[in-house]
Amino acid sequence: MLLNGFDEKELRRRAREALKAGVIPRDRPRGLWGGNGAGDRCPVCGHAIDPSEMELEVEFAIAEVSLQGVREFHLHLPCFAAWEFARSGVD
């Protein structure tokens, strides 16, 4: 499947790079919700998620005591799958 011109192999490569650069955590999310895109940029492919597209909102707890709270990311469905493979070490 192509997303914004990227095939699955390229999305997985981008997901590995996003993890390596610390753009998105490797941790298991504490929450996950789906819905229509909100226009936010996907941390894997870098493209905005259009309201006509489905997105997954992934929420993480912030571990640092001084920064307690949550971080959330919005991902395209194929980008979420690529991130799951990358964080699990599946290539």
C-alpha atoms as a PDB file:
ATOM      1  CA  MET A   1       0.000   0.000   0.000  1.00  0.00           C
ATOM      2  CA  LEU A   2       1.241   3.481  -0.830  1.00  0.00           C
ATOM      3  CA  LEU A   3       0.808   6.382   1.555  1.00  0.00           C
ATOM      4  CA  ASN A   4       1.892   9.812   0.379  1.00  0.00           C
ATOM      5  CA  GLY A   5       4.088   8.057  -2.202  1.00  0.00           C
ATOM      6  CA  PHE A   6       5.773   5.783   0.385  1.00  0.00           C
ATOM      7  CA  ASP A   7       5.557   1.999   0.228  1.00  0.00           C
ATOM      8  CA  GLU A   8       5.627  -0.241   3.309  1.00  0.00           C
ATOM      9  CA  LYS A   9       9.412  -0.702   3.168  1.00  0.00           C
ATOM     10  CA  GLU A  10       9.979   3.061   3.127  1.00  0.00           C
ATOM     11  CA  LEU A  11       7.502   3.632   5.977  1.00  0.00           C
ATOM     12  CA  ARG A  12       9.333   1.055   8.087  1.00  0.00           C
ATOM     13  CA  ARG A  13      12.641   2.775   7.334  1.00  0.00           C
ATOM     14  CA  ARG A  14      11.162   6.123   8.325  1.00  0.00           C
ATOM     15  CA  ALA A  15       9.717   4.613  11.511  1.00  0.00           C
ATOM     16  CA  ARG A  16      13.158   3.252  12.485  1.00  0.00           C
ATOM     17  CA  GLU A  17      14.671   6.682  11.848  1.00  0.00           C
ATOM     18  CA  ALA A  18      11.972   8.400  13.935  1.00  0.00           C
ATOM     19  CA  LEU A  19      12.709   6.028  16.822  1.00  0.00           C
ATOM     20  CA  LYS A  20      16.464   6.487  16.475  1.00  0.00           C
ATOM     21  CA  ALA A  21      16.099  10.287  16.445  1.00  0.00           C
ATOM     22  CA  GLY A  22      13.775  10.232  19.471  1.00  0.00           C
ATOM     23  CA  VAL A  23      10.915  11.764  17.497  1.00  0.00           C
ATOM     24  CA  ILE A  24       8.505   9.150  18.876  1.00  0.00           C
ATOM     25  CA  PRO A  25       9.041   6.834  21.857  1.00  0.00           C
ATOM     26  CA  ARG A  26       9.788   3.124  21.633  1.00  0.00           C
ATOM     27  CA  ASP A  27       7.658   2.502  24.741  1.00  0.00           C
ATOM     28  CA  ARG A  28       4.304   0.798  24.729  1.00  0.00           C
ATOM     29  CA  PRO A  29       1.601   3.497  24.595  1.00  0.00           C
ATOM     30  CA  ARG A  30      -0.647   4.020  27.596  1.00  0.00           C
ATOM     31  CA  GLY A  31      -3.595   4.942  25.391  1.00  0.00           C
ATOM     32  CA  LEU A  32      -4.698   4.537  21.788  1.00  0.00           C
ATOM     33  CA  TRP A  33      -7.683   6.083  20.015  1.00  0.00           C
ATOM     34  CA  GLY A  34      -8.832   6.166  16.420  1.00  0.00           C
ATOM     35  CA  GLY A  35     -10.788   8.701  14.430  1.00  0.00           C
ATOM     36  CA  ASN A  36     -10.680  11.176  11.584  1.00  0.00           C
ATOM     37  CA  GLY A  37      -7.471  13.085  11.010  1.00  0.00           C
ATOM     38  CA  ALA A  38      -7.058  16.345  12.884  1.00  0.00           C
ATOM     39  CA  GLY A  39      -4.505  17.890  10.534  1.00  0.00           C
ATOM     40  CA  ASP A  40      -1.520  17.083  12.782  1.00  0.00           C
ATOM     41  CA  ARG A  41       1.764  15.909  11.276  1.00  0.00           C
ATOM     42  CA  CYS A  42       2.518  12.211  11.454  1.00  0.00           C
ATOM     43  CA  PRO A  43       5.885  11.626  13.181  1.00  0.00           C
ATOM     44  CA  VAL A  44       6.685   8.724  10.849  1.00  0.00           C
ATOM     45  CA  CYS A  45       6.050  10.089   7.345  1.00  0.00           C
ATOM     46  CA  GLY A  46       5.994  13.806   8.187  1.00  0.00           C
ATOM     47  CA  HIS A  47       2.746  14.516   6.335  1.00  0.00           C
ATOM     48  CA  ALA A  48      -0.359  16.086   7.853  1.00  0.00           C
ATOM     49  CA  ILE A  49      -3.266  13.728   8.460  1.00  0.00           C
ATOM     50  CA  ASP A  50      -6.229  15.050   6.511  1.00  0.00           C
ATOM     51  CA  PRO A  51      -9.729  14.934   8.078  1.00  0.00           C
ATOM     52  CA  SER A  52     -10.752  12.552   5.275  1.00  0.00           C
ATOM     53  CA  GLU A  53      -8.120  10.054   6.504  1.00  0.00           C
ATOM     54  CA  MET A  54      -8.217   7.815   9.568  1.00  0.00           C
ATOM     55  CA  GLU A  55      -5.627   8.399  12.265  1.00  0.00           C
ATOM     56  CA  LEU A  56      -4.534   6.781  15.494  1.00  0.00           C
ATOM     57  CA  GLU A  57      -3.769   9.019  18.450  1.00  0.00           C
ATOM     58  CA  VAL A  58      -1.087   7.377  20.561  1.00  0.00           C
ATOM     59  CA  GLU A  59      -0.561   8.609  24.120  1.00  0.00           C
ATOM     60  CA  PHE A  60       2.507   8.112  26.315  1.00  0.00           C
ATOM     61  CA  ALA A  61       3.109   8.925  29.972  1.00  0.00           C
ATOM     62  CA  ILE A  62       6.033  11.262  30.571  1.00  0.00           C
ATOM     63  CA  ALA A  63       8.409   9.577  32.995  1.00  0.00           C
ATOM     64  CA  GLU A  64      10.463  12.578  34.130  1.00  0.00           C
ATOM     65  CA  VAL A  65       9.211  13.860  37.491  1.00  0.00           C
ATOM     66  CA  SER A  66       9.643  17.495  36.462  1.00  0.00           C
ATOM     67  CA  LEU A  67       7.653  16.932  33.252  1.00  0.00           C
ATOM     68  CA  GLN A  68       4.788  14.775  34.517  1.00  0.00           C
ATOM     69  CA  GLY A  69       1.941  14.475  32.088  1.00  0.00           C
ATOM     70  CA  VAL A  70       1.344  12.911  28.706  1.00  0.00           C
ATOM     71  CA  ARG A  71       2.677  13.179  25.172  1.00  0.00           C
ATOM     72  CA  GLU A  72       0.480  12.328  22.252  1.00  0.00           C
ATOM     73  CA  PHE A  73       1.180  11.621  18.613  1.00  0.00           C
ATOM     74  CA  HIS A  74      -1.153  11.307  15.632  1.00  0.00           C
ATOM     75  CA  LEU A  75      -0.242   8.669  13.042  1.00  0.00           C
ATOM     76  CA  HIS A  76      -1.662   7.405   9.774  1.00  0.00           C
ATOM     77  CA  LEU A  77      -2.753   3.765  10.106  1.00  0.00           C
ATOM     78  CA  PRO A  78       0.071   2.421   7.854  1.00  0.00           C
ATOM     79  CA  CYS A  79       2.575   4.607   9.735  1.00  0.00           C
ATOM     80  CA  PHE A  80       1.354   3.227  13.056  1.00  0.00           C
ATOM     81  CA  ALA A  81       1.870  -0.318  11.739  1.00  0.00           C
ATOM     82  CA  ALA A  82       5.390   0.584  10.569  1.00  0.00           C
ATOM     83  CA  TRP A  83       6.156   2.109  13.991  1.00  0.00           C
ATOM     84  CA  GLU A  84       4.878  -1.037  15.754  1.00  0.00           C
ATOM     85  CA  PHE A  85       7.163  -3.214  13.625  1.00  0.00           C
ATOM     86  CA  ALA A  86      10.113  -0.882  14.187  1.00  0.00           C
ATOM     87  CA  ARG A  87       9.675  -0.617  17.965  1.00  0.00           C
ATOM     88  CA  SER A  88       9.294  -4.406  18.198  1.00  0.00           C
ATOM     89  CA  GLY A  89      12.519  -4.959  16.274  1.00  0.00           C
ATOM     90  CA  VAL A  90      10.766  -6.645  13.339  1.00  0.00           C
ATOM     91  CA  ASP A  91      12.214  -5.628  10.018  1.00  0.00           C
END
